[in-house]
Amino acid sequence: MSDGWVTKSLEELCDFKNGLWKGKKPPYVEVGIIRNTNFSREGFLDDSDIAYHNVEVKQLEKRKLQFGDIILEKSGGGPKQPVGRVIPFELRDGEFSFSNFTSVIRIKDKEELNFRFLHRLLFYYYVAGVTESMQRRSTGIRNLDFKIYKQLRVPLPSPAEQKRIVAILDETFSAIAKAKENAEKNLANARELFESYLNRVFTQQGDGWEETQLGEVVTFQGGSQPPKSVFVKEKKPGYIRLIQIRDYKSDKHIVFIPEKVARRKCDASDVMIGRYGPPLFQILRGIDGAYNVALMKVIPDETRISKDYLFHFLKNGRILSYVIHSSNRAAGQAGVNKKTLEPYPIPFPTDLSEQTRIVGELEGLMADTKRLESIYEQKLANLDELKQSLLQKAFTGQLTAKTAELEMAV
């Protein structure tokens, strides 16, 4: 903490108001309601889809938003998004209130504490993970422990220093936002380039190509579901891994079953379809074991179609769109089934060596695409870390325009 800065608790500096209930007694007034969905990723109000409702005039009088209020998400969130997000309210025109999943923080003395300074501080506490430890759960909903939250410490430099810090943060964050936007565009372009090439390979057929229905050259084999009573978490003699869709993303929930009850098996080279979403129609491979009913093995006639060619064909966006459309039309259809897939046309070179050449090009491009994705994803992560570093310096008295400039240059 910088010398000369005093601190006070949030409760000493602010009043808190709970969110709006529409009420049932007239007179009513139409008002915009700020909800959790109006919290942008960067900590500001997204006013593109504000909901308007008729509410009791008396209810609005108690909970009408004022310029300079800070809206706090007190309930909601999720595993990847803890509660505790904050946004400043900076609209001057119109009647607005806030939902019962949010609360308002209103500064008592605006000469002592600048609302933009307080917002940046509370946003820092959120992105730094401070508020994550203040969560408690109730019927599946995450709630913020207000008693603890109100005790957060607020540093109080002079009003002029508060404005200076906000100005440096805003200028630097604007540059970070532009850098993130460019990185996200580059990331999207890299993925689109691969998808475009993938689709082009299977639509621009040359000499020596044949086209037939999937059901003519592959067999679909559904999985089986052993009872949970036979599951064990450690592999034992005579046991085999049971593969579930989630296993292709994480090894956290591996289970094993007796090999004698394993009716459907696959090896790492087999092409598998995740039958249920989200996302619907996942094309998977790379694990040995027995597979459950959520998965379906695709077995090609390898005198005509190689496994690798089949894998890449099924990964192209055209068949994904077809499957999603077919599933939407089929009322009550439980996931992806072979009846949907069998009629789908598959073009392929009749020469298996040509299939191998195409696969080699696709895998080379895929490796290049993943390398670019890794670069851009790391850049995005670095920008988020930079933002958090600048916030930490801002509220410990270490932030100057020169410091921010040097951090951005790294």
Protein backbone atom coordinates (compact mmCIF):
# COMPACT_ATOMS: atom_id res chain seq x y z
CA MET A 1 0.00 0.00 0.00
CA SER A 2 1.34 3.46 -0.88
CA ASP A 3 2.45 5.73 1.98
CA GLY A 4 -0.25 8.18 2.98
CA TRP A 5 -3.14 6.04 1.72
CA VAL A 6 -5.72 5.21 4.33
CA THR A 7 -8.13 2.30 3.89
CA LYS A 8 -11.71 1.77 4.90
CA SER A 9 -14.10 -1.14 4.55
CA LEU A 10 -16.56 -1.17 1.68
CA GLU A 11 -19.35 -1.10 4.25
CA GLU A 12 -18.05 2.14 5.76
CA LEU A 13 -17.98 3.85 2.37
CA CYS A 14 -21.11 2.53 0.64
CA ASP A 15 -24.76 1.66 1.02
CA PHE A 16 -26.17 -1.55 -0.48
CA LYS A 17 -29.58 -2.13 -2.04
CA ASN A 18 -31.12 -5.44 -3.07
CA GLY A 19 -32.52 -6.05 -6.54
CA LEU A 20 -35.98 -5.20 -7.85
CA TRP A 21 -39.16 -7.20 -7.47
CA LYS A 22 -41.81 -6.14 -10.00
CA GLY A 23 -44.63 -6.16 -7.44
CA LYS A 24 -48.35 -6.71 -8.02
CA LYS A 25 -50.05 -3.42 -7.10
CA PRO A 26 -50.61 -0.53 -9.51
CA PRO A 27 -49.68 2.08 -10.51
CA TYR A 28 -47.00 0.60 -12.77
CA VAL A 29 -44.22 2.14 -14.81
CA GLU A 30 -42.13 0.61 -17.62
CA VAL A 31 -38.49 0.38 -16.64
CA GLY A 32 -35.30 -1.17 -17.98
CA ILE A 33 -33.98 -3.98 -15.79
CA ILE A 34 -30.22 -4.59 -15.66
CA ARG A 35 -29.68 -8.36 -15.38
CA ASN A 36 -26.69 -10.71 -15.14
CA THR A 37 -26.74 -11.03 -18.95
CA ASN A 38 -25.95 -7.30 -19.21
CA PHE A 39 -22.55 -7.75 -17.56
CA SER A 40 -19.87 -7.67 -20.26
CA ARG A 41 -16.71 -9.75 -20.07
CA GLU A 42 -14.63 -6.62 -19.52
CA GLY A 43 -16.70 -5.40 -16.57
CA PHE A 44 -19.00 -2.85 -18.19
CA LEU A 45 -22.69 -2.56 -19.03
CA ASP A 46 -23.83 -4.30 -22.21
CA ASP A 47 -27.01 -2.37 -23.03
CA SER A 48 -27.78 -4.24 -26.28
CA ASP A 49 -30.54 -6.40 -24.77
CA ILE A 50 -31.88 -4.67 -21.67
CA ALA A 51 -35.28 -6.13 -20.71
CA TYR A 52 -38.17 -3.72 -20.07
CA HIS A 53 -40.95 -4.57 -17.60
CA ASN A 54 -43.86 -2.90 -15.87
CA VAL A 55 -43.10 -2.58 -12.17
CA GLU A 56 -44.75 -0.97 -9.18
CA VAL A 57 -43.95 2.72 -8.87
CA LYS A 58 -43.25 2.22 -5.15
CA GLN A 59 -40.80 -0.59 -5.91
CA LEU A 60 -38.98 1.57 -8.45
CA GLU A 61 -38.70 4.49 -6.05
CA LYS A 62 -36.64 2.32 -3.71
CA ARG A 63 -34.48 0.77 -6.38
CA LYS A 64 -34.04 3.27 -9.19
CA LEU A 65 -30.50 3.31 -10.52
CA GLN A 66 -28.48 6.51 -10.27
CA PHE A 67 -25.52 7.62 -12.33
CA GLY A 68 -22.41 6.40 -10.54
CA ASP A 69 -23.99 3.32 -8.96
CA ILE A 70 -22.07 0.04 -9.16
CA ILE A 71 -24.14 -3.06 -9.90
CA LEU A 72 -22.92 -6.25 -8.24
CA GLU A 73 -23.82 -9.78 -9.32
CA LYS A 74 -24.73 -11.45 -6.02
CA SER A 75 -26.31 -14.68 -7.35
CA GLY A 76 -25.83 -16.87 -10.41
CA GLY A 77 -22.39 -17.57 -11.80
CA GLY A 78 -21.09 -21.06 -12.55
CA PRO A 79 -17.98 -23.28 -12.36
CA LYS A 80 -16.06 -21.07 -14.79
CA GLN A 81 -17.65 -17.77 -13.79
CA PRO A 82 -17.85 -17.08 -10.06
CA VAL A 83 -20.34 -14.54 -8.76
CA GLY A 84 -19.05 -11.11 -7.80
CA ARG A 85 -18.87 -9.42 -11.20
CA VAL A 86 -19.36 -5.64 -11.14
CA ILE A 87 -20.33 -3.00 -13.68
CA PRO A 88 -20.64 0.80 -13.32
CA PHE A 89 -23.97 2.44 -14.19
CA GLU A 90 -23.24 5.44 -16.40
CA LEU A 91 -26.53 6.05 -18.26
CA ARG A 92 -28.09 9.46 -17.71
CA ASP A 93 -31.34 9.08 -19.67
CA GLY A 94 -34.21 6.70 -18.97
CA GLU A 95 -35.64 4.79 -16.02
CA PHE A 96 -33.58 1.76 -14.92
CA SER A 97 -33.48 -0.68 -12.06
CA PHE A 98 -31.67 -3.96 -11.37
CA SER A 99 -32.76 -7.58 -11.03
CA ASN A 100 -33.11 -9.55 -7.82
CA PHE A 101 -29.95 -11.50 -8.75
CA THR A 102 -27.98 -8.27 -8.37
CA SER A 103 -27.42 -5.56 -5.78
CA VAL A 104 -26.38 -1.95 -6.02
CA ILE A 105 -23.38 -0.40 -4.30
CA ARG A 106 -23.91 3.33 -3.80
CA ILE A 107 -21.09 5.55 -2.51
CA LYS A 108 -22.03 7.63 0.52
CA ASP A 109 -19.57 10.48 -0.05
CA LYS A 110 -18.64 11.00 -3.69
CA GLU A 111 -16.13 13.68 -2.73
CA GLU A 112 -14.17 11.04 -0.85
CA LEU A 113 -14.44 8.13 -3.30
CA ASN A 114 -14.67 8.21 -7.10
CA PHE A 115 -17.14 5.57 -8.37
CA ARG A 116 -14.93 4.67 -11.35
CA PHE A 117 -11.98 4.12 -8.99
CA LEU A 118 -14.14 1.90 -6.78
CA HIS A 119 -15.43 -0.06 -9.79
CA ARG A 120 -11.90 -0.75 -11.06
CA LEU A 121 -10.91 -1.89 -7.56
CA LEU A 122 -13.88 -4.26 -7.19
CA PHE A 123 -13.29 -5.55 -10.73
CA TYR A 124 -9.69 -6.28 -9.70
CA TYR A 125 -10.87 -8.20 -6.64
CA TYR A 126 -13.07 -10.27 -8.95
CA VAL A 127 -10.48 -11.11 -11.64
CA ALA A 128 -7.84 -11.78 -8.98
CA GLY A 129 -10.10 -14.47 -7.50
CA VAL A 130 -10.76 -12.71 -4.19
CA THR A 131 -14.54 -13.01 -4.47
CA GLU A 132 -14.39 -16.68 -5.49
CA SER A 133 -13.70 -17.65 -1.89
CA MET A 134 -16.82 -15.72 -0.82
CA GLN A 135 -19.24 -17.98 -2.72
CA ARG A 136 -21.76 -20.30 -1.12
CA ARG A 137 -24.27 -22.55 -2.85
CA SER A 138 -28.01 -22.80 -2.45
CA THR A 139 -30.13 -25.18 -4.61
CA GLY A 140 -27.49 -25.12 -7.36
CA ILE A 141 -27.18 -21.32 -7.42
CA ARG A 142 -24.01 -19.58 -6.29
CA ASN A 143 -24.49 -16.71 -3.87
CA LEU A 144 -22.05 -14.09 -2.65
CA ASP A 145 -21.54 -13.90 1.10
CA PHE A 146 -22.40 -10.24 1.65
CA LYS A 147 -21.10 -10.06 5.20
CA ILE A 148 -17.62 -10.94 4.02
CA TYR A 149 -17.85 -8.90 0.81
CA LYS A 150 -18.71 -5.72 2.71
CA GLN A 151 -15.48 -6.03 4.66
CA LEU A 152 -13.29 -5.69 1.54
CA ARG A 153 -10.70 -2.99 2.09
CA VAL A 154 -10.77 0.11 -0.09
CA PRO A 155 -7.58 2.21 -0.39
CA LEU A 156 -8.27 5.95 -0.40
CA PRO A 157 -5.69 8.06 -2.22
CA SER A 158 -6.64 11.70 -2.82
CA PRO A 159 -9.55 12.34 -5.23
CA ALA A 160 -7.08 13.71 -7.80
CA GLU A 161 -4.93 10.57 -7.50
CA GLN A 162 -8.02 8.36 -7.90
CA LYS A 163 -8.88 10.12 -11.17
CA ARG A 164 -5.27 9.85 -12.38
CA ILE A 165 -5.22 6.11 -11.72
CA VAL A 166 -8.55 5.60 -13.52
CA ALA A 167 -7.31 7.59 -16.52
CA ILE A 168 -4.13 5.49 -16.83
CA LEU A 169 -6.06 2.23 -16.45
CA ASP A 170 -8.67 3.22 -19.02
CA GLU A 171 -6.11 4.31 -21.60
CA THR A 172 -4.06 1.14 -21.12
CA PHE A 173 -7.11 -1.14 -21.07
CA SER A 174 -8.30 0.39 -24.31
CA ALA A 175 -5.01 -0.62 -25.92
CA ILE A 176 -5.28 -4.10 -24.37
CA ALA A 177 -8.84 -4.46 -25.70
CA LYS A 178 -7.66 -3.64 -29.23
CA ALA A 179 -4.80 -6.12 -28.94
CA LYS A 180 -7.22 -8.81 -27.70
CA GLU A 181 -9.63 -8.05 -30.54
CA ASN A 182 -6.84 -8.50 -33.09
CA ALA A 183 -5.66 -11.74 -31.45
CA GLU A 184 -9.21 -13.11 -31.38
CA LYS A 185 -9.68 -12.24 -35.06
CA ASN A 186 -6.41 -13.95 -35.95
CA LEU A 187 -7.45 -17.00 -33.93
CA ALA A 188 -10.81 -17.15 -35.71
CA ASN A 189 -9.13 -16.68 -39.11
CA ALA A 190 -6.71 -19.54 -38.44
CA ARG A 191 -9.59 -21.88 -37.60
CA GLU A 192 -11.67 -20.71 -40.57
CA LEU A 193 -8.72 -21.26 -42.93
CA PHE A 194 -8.47 -24.89 -41.90
CA GLU A 195 -12.25 -25.43 -42.09
CA SER A 196 -12.34 -23.84 -45.54
CA TYR A 197 -9.56 -26.09 -46.82
CA LEU A 198 -11.20 -29.13 -45.24
CA ASN A 199 -14.51 -28.42 -46.97
CA ARG A 200 -12.81 -27.69 -50.29
CA VAL A 201 -11.00 -31.03 -50.27
CA PHE A 202 -14.29 -32.93 -50.15
CA THR A 203 -16.20 -30.79 -52.66
CA GLN A 204 -13.66 -30.29 -55.45
CA GLN A 205 -13.34 -33.86 -56.59
CA GLY A 206 -10.87 -34.81 -59.30
CA ASP A 207 -10.47 -37.76 -61.62
CA GLY A 208 -10.58 -41.15 -60.00
CA TRP A 209 -13.11 -40.15 -57.33
CA GLU A 210 -16.24 -42.04 -56.39
CA GLU A 211 -19.26 -40.91 -54.42
CA THR A 212 -21.62 -43.17 -52.50
CA GLN A 213 -23.62 -43.19 -49.28
CA LEU A 214 -21.84 -43.57 -45.96
CA GLY A 215 -23.87 -46.69 -45.21
CA GLU A 216 -22.35 -48.38 -48.29
CA VAL A 217 -18.75 -48.09 -47.09
CA VAL A 218 -18.95 -47.99 -43.28
CA THR A 219 -20.70 -49.84 -40.46
CA PHE A 220 -21.97 -48.03 -37.37
CA GLN A 221 -21.63 -49.94 -34.11
CA GLY A 222 -23.32 -48.59 -30.99
CA GLY A 223 -21.85 -48.96 -27.52
CA SER A 224 -23.17 -50.78 -24.46
CA GLN A 225 -23.79 -49.65 -20.90
CA PRO A 226 -22.63 -51.93 -18.09
CA PRO A 227 -24.17 -51.37 -14.63
CA LYS A 228 -22.43 -48.85 -12.40
CA SER A 229 -22.13 -51.50 -9.74
CA VAL A 230 -19.19 -53.03 -11.67
CA PHE A 231 -17.26 -49.75 -12.01
CA VAL A 232 -13.90 -49.41 -10.25
CA LYS A 233 -11.51 -46.44 -10.26
CA GLU A 234 -8.28 -48.43 -10.25
CA LYS A 235 -7.40 -50.92 -12.96
CA LYS A 236 -7.24 -54.54 -11.79
CA PRO A 237 -6.33 -57.77 -13.59
CA GLY A 238 -9.13 -58.74 -15.96
CA TYR A 239 -10.48 -55.17 -16.13
CA ILE A 240 -10.65 -52.78 -19.10
CA ARG A 241 -11.21 -49.06 -19.33
CA LEU A 242 -14.79 -47.91 -19.97
CA ILE A 243 -14.70 -44.97 -22.39
CA GLN A 244 -17.22 -42.14 -22.01
CA ILE A 245 -17.49 -38.95 -24.10
CA ARG A 246 -16.00 -36.82 -21.35
CA ASP A 247 -12.86 -38.99 -21.31
CA TYR A 248 -11.72 -37.41 -24.57
CA LYS A 249 -11.41 -34.07 -22.75
CA SER A 250 -10.20 -35.10 -19.31
CA ASP A 251 -8.77 -38.04 -17.38
CA LYS A 252 -10.47 -36.99 -14.14
CA HIS A 253 -13.24 -39.58 -14.21
CA ILE A 254 -11.61 -42.75 -15.58
CA VAL A 255 -13.38 -45.97 -14.61
CA PHE A 256 -12.71 -49.64 -15.36
CA ILE A 257 -15.05 -52.59 -15.81
CA PRO A 258 -14.57 -56.39 -15.92
CA GLU A 259 -13.51 -57.37 -19.42
CA LYS A 260 -16.10 -60.14 -19.40
CA VAL A 261 -18.95 -57.54 -19.43
CA ALA A 262 -17.29 -55.32 -22.07
CA ARG A 263 -19.44 -55.90 -25.14
CA ARG A 264 -18.07 -53.15 -27.41
CA LYS A 265 -14.37 -52.36 -27.73
CA CYS A 266 -12.28 -49.93 -29.74
CA ASP A 267 -8.63 -49.05 -30.12
CA ALA A 268 -6.96 -45.66 -30.37
CA SER A 269 -7.08 -45.61 -34.19
CA ASP A 270 -10.83 -46.21 -34.40
CA VAL A 271 -13.14 -43.37 -35.42
CA MET A 272 -15.75 -42.69 -32.77
CA ILE A 273 -18.87 -40.49 -32.73
CA GLY A 274 -20.11 -38.82 -29.58
CA ARG A 275 -23.85 -39.31 -30.00
CA TYR A 276 -25.08 -36.76 -27.47
CA GLY A 277 -24.34 -33.11 -26.89
CA PRO A 278 -23.43 -30.54 -26.18
CA PRO A 279 -21.86 -30.33 -28.62
CA LEU A 280 -23.78 -32.73 -30.82
CA PHE A 281 -21.85 -35.06 -33.17
CA GLN A 282 -18.32 -35.08 -31.78
CA ILE A 283 -15.78 -36.96 -33.91
CA LEU A 284 -13.26 -38.59 -31.60
CA ARG A 285 -10.38 -41.05 -31.50
CA GLY A 286 -7.29 -41.90 -29.48
CA ILE A 287 -8.36 -44.15 -26.58
CA ASP A 288 -8.30 -47.93 -26.16
CA GLY A 289 -11.05 -49.64 -24.20
CA ALA A 290 -14.72 -50.53 -24.11
CA TYR A 291 -17.14 -47.76 -25.04
CA ASN A 292 -20.53 -46.91 -23.59
CA VAL A 293 -23.89 -46.09 -25.22
CA ALA A 294 -23.03 -42.43 -25.64
CA LEU A 295 -20.46 -43.42 -28.27
CA MET A 296 -20.70 -45.10 -31.65
CA LYS A 297 -17.82 -46.69 -33.59
CA VAL A 298 -17.55 -46.06 -37.33
CA ILE A 299 -15.98 -49.06 -39.05
CA PRO A 300 -14.91 -48.43 -42.67
CA ASP A 301 -14.47 -50.99 -45.41
CA GLU A 302 -10.70 -50.46 -45.47
CA THR A 303 -10.39 -51.82 -49.00
CA ARG A 304 -12.18 -48.61 -50.06
CA ILE A 305 -11.86 -46.04 -47.24
CA SER A 306 -8.98 -45.56 -44.80
CA LYS A 307 -9.70 -44.76 -41.16
CA ASP A 308 -7.70 -41.54 -41.37
CA TYR A 309 -9.57 -40.32 -44.44
CA LEU A 310 -12.88 -41.18 -42.80
CA PHE A 311 -11.91 -39.31 -39.63
CA HIS A 312 -11.15 -36.09 -41.51
CA PHE A 313 -14.22 -36.41 -43.70
CA LEU A 314 -16.49 -36.68 -40.67
CA LYS A 315 -14.79 -33.62 -39.12
CA ASN A 316 -15.82 -31.29 -41.96
CA GLY A 317 -18.45 -28.65 -41.24
CA ARG A 318 -20.91 -29.71 -43.95
CA ILE A 319 -21.82 -33.02 -42.35
CA LEU A 320 -22.02 -31.35 -38.92
CA SER A 321 -24.60 -28.89 -40.25
CA TYR A 322 -26.54 -31.75 -41.84
CA VAL A 323 -26.60 -33.74 -38.58
CA ILE A 324 -27.75 -30.76 -36.51
CA HIS A 325 -30.47 -29.94 -39.05
CA SER A 326 -31.63 -33.56 -39.19
CA SER A 327 -31.72 -33.80 -35.39
CA ASN A 328 -33.80 -30.61 -35.16
CA ARG A 329 -36.33 -31.99 -37.64
CA ALA A 330 -36.65 -35.36 -35.94
CA ALA A 331 -38.87 -34.66 -32.94
CA GLY A 332 -37.88 -36.77 -29.97
CA GLN A 333 -34.71 -38.11 -31.61
CA ALA A 334 -32.23 -39.11 -28.92
CA GLY A 335 -28.85 -37.97 -30.20
CA VAL A 336 -27.12 -39.03 -33.40
CA ASN A 337 -28.10 -42.38 -34.87
CA LYS A 338 -26.99 -44.44 -37.84
CA LYS A 339 -30.24 -43.91 -39.74
CA THR A 340 -29.39 -40.21 -39.96
CA LEU A 341 -25.85 -40.86 -41.12
CA GLU A 342 -26.16 -43.80 -43.51
CA PRO A 343 -27.68 -41.84 -46.46
CA TYR A 344 -25.12 -39.02 -46.27
CA PRO A 345 -22.93 -38.87 -49.43
CA ILE A 346 -19.20 -39.51 -49.06
CA PRO A 347 -16.83 -38.68 -51.93
CA PHE A 348 -13.42 -40.37 -51.92
CA PRO A 349 -10.51 -41.18 -54.27
CA THR A 350 -10.64 -44.83 -55.20
CA ASP A 351 -6.83 -44.94 -54.94
CA LEU A 352 -5.97 -45.45 -51.25
CA SER A 353 -2.57 -43.82 -51.75
CA GLU A 354 -4.35 -40.63 -52.86
CA GLN A 355 -6.38 -40.76 -49.66
CA THR A 356 -3.10 -41.03 -47.74
CA ARG A 357 -1.70 -37.99 -49.59
CA ILE A 358 -4.81 -35.92 -48.79
CA VAL A 359 -4.67 -36.93 -45.13
CA GLY A 360 -0.99 -35.92 -44.98
CA GLU A 361 -1.81 -32.44 -46.32
CA LEU A 362 -4.73 -32.05 -43.92
CA GLU A 363 -2.69 -33.13 -40.91
CA GLY A 364 0.15 -30.80 -41.88
CA LEU A 365 -2.25 -27.88 -42.15
CA MET A 366 -3.95 -28.94 -38.93
CA ALA A 367 -0.60 -28.91 -37.11
CA ASP A 368 0.13 -25.41 -38.45
CA THR A 369 -3.33 -24.26 -37.40
CA LYS A 370 -2.90 -25.64 -33.88
CA ARG A 371 0.48 -23.92 -33.62
CA LEU A 372 -1.12 -20.59 -34.57
CA GLU A 373 -4.01 -21.22 -32.18
CA SER A 374 -1.52 -21.85 -29.39
CA ILE A 375 0.29 -18.58 -30.16
CA TYR A 376 -2.89 -16.50 -30.19
CA GLU A 377 -4.37 -18.22 -27.13
CA GLN A 378 -1.15 -17.54 -25.22
CA LYS A 379 -1.26 -13.91 -26.34
CA LEU A 380 -4.82 -13.61 -25.01
CA ALA A 381 -3.77 -15.18 -21.72
CA ASN A 382 -0.79 -12.81 -21.48
CA LEU A 383 -3.06 -9.80 -22.07
CA ASP A 384 -5.39 -10.94 -19.28
CA GLU A 385 -2.40 -11.35 -16.96
CA LEU A 386 -1.14 -7.90 -17.96
CA LYS A 387 -4.50 -6.40 -17.10
CA GLN A 388 -4.47 -8.03 -13.67
CA SER A 389 -0.88 -6.90 -13.07
CA LEU A 390 -1.76 -3.29 -13.88
CA LEU A 391 -4.77 -3.42 -11.57
CA GLN A 392 -2.64 -4.80 -8.76
CA LYS A 393 -0.11 -1.97 -9.21
CA ALA A 394 -2.90 0.61 -9.40
CA PHE A 395 -4.24 -0.20 -5.95
CA THR A 396 -0.89 -0.50 -4.23
CA GLY A 397 0.35 2.90 -5.37
CA GLN A 398 2.80 1.58 -8.00
CA LEU A 399 1.02 2.63 -11.20
CA THR A 400 2.35 5.47 -13.31
CA ALA A 401 1.90 6.21 -17.00
CA LYS A 402 5.51 5.11 -17.53
CA THR A 403 4.90 1.84 -15.68
CA ALA A 404 1.87 1.08 -17.83
CA GLU A 405 3.81 1.93 -20.99
CA LEU A 406 6.66 -0.40 -20.02
CA GLU A 407 4.26 -3.23 -19.13
CA MET A 408 2.52 -2.91 -22.50
CA ALA A 409 5.86 -3.03 -24.31
CA VAL A 410 6.89 -6.36 -22.79
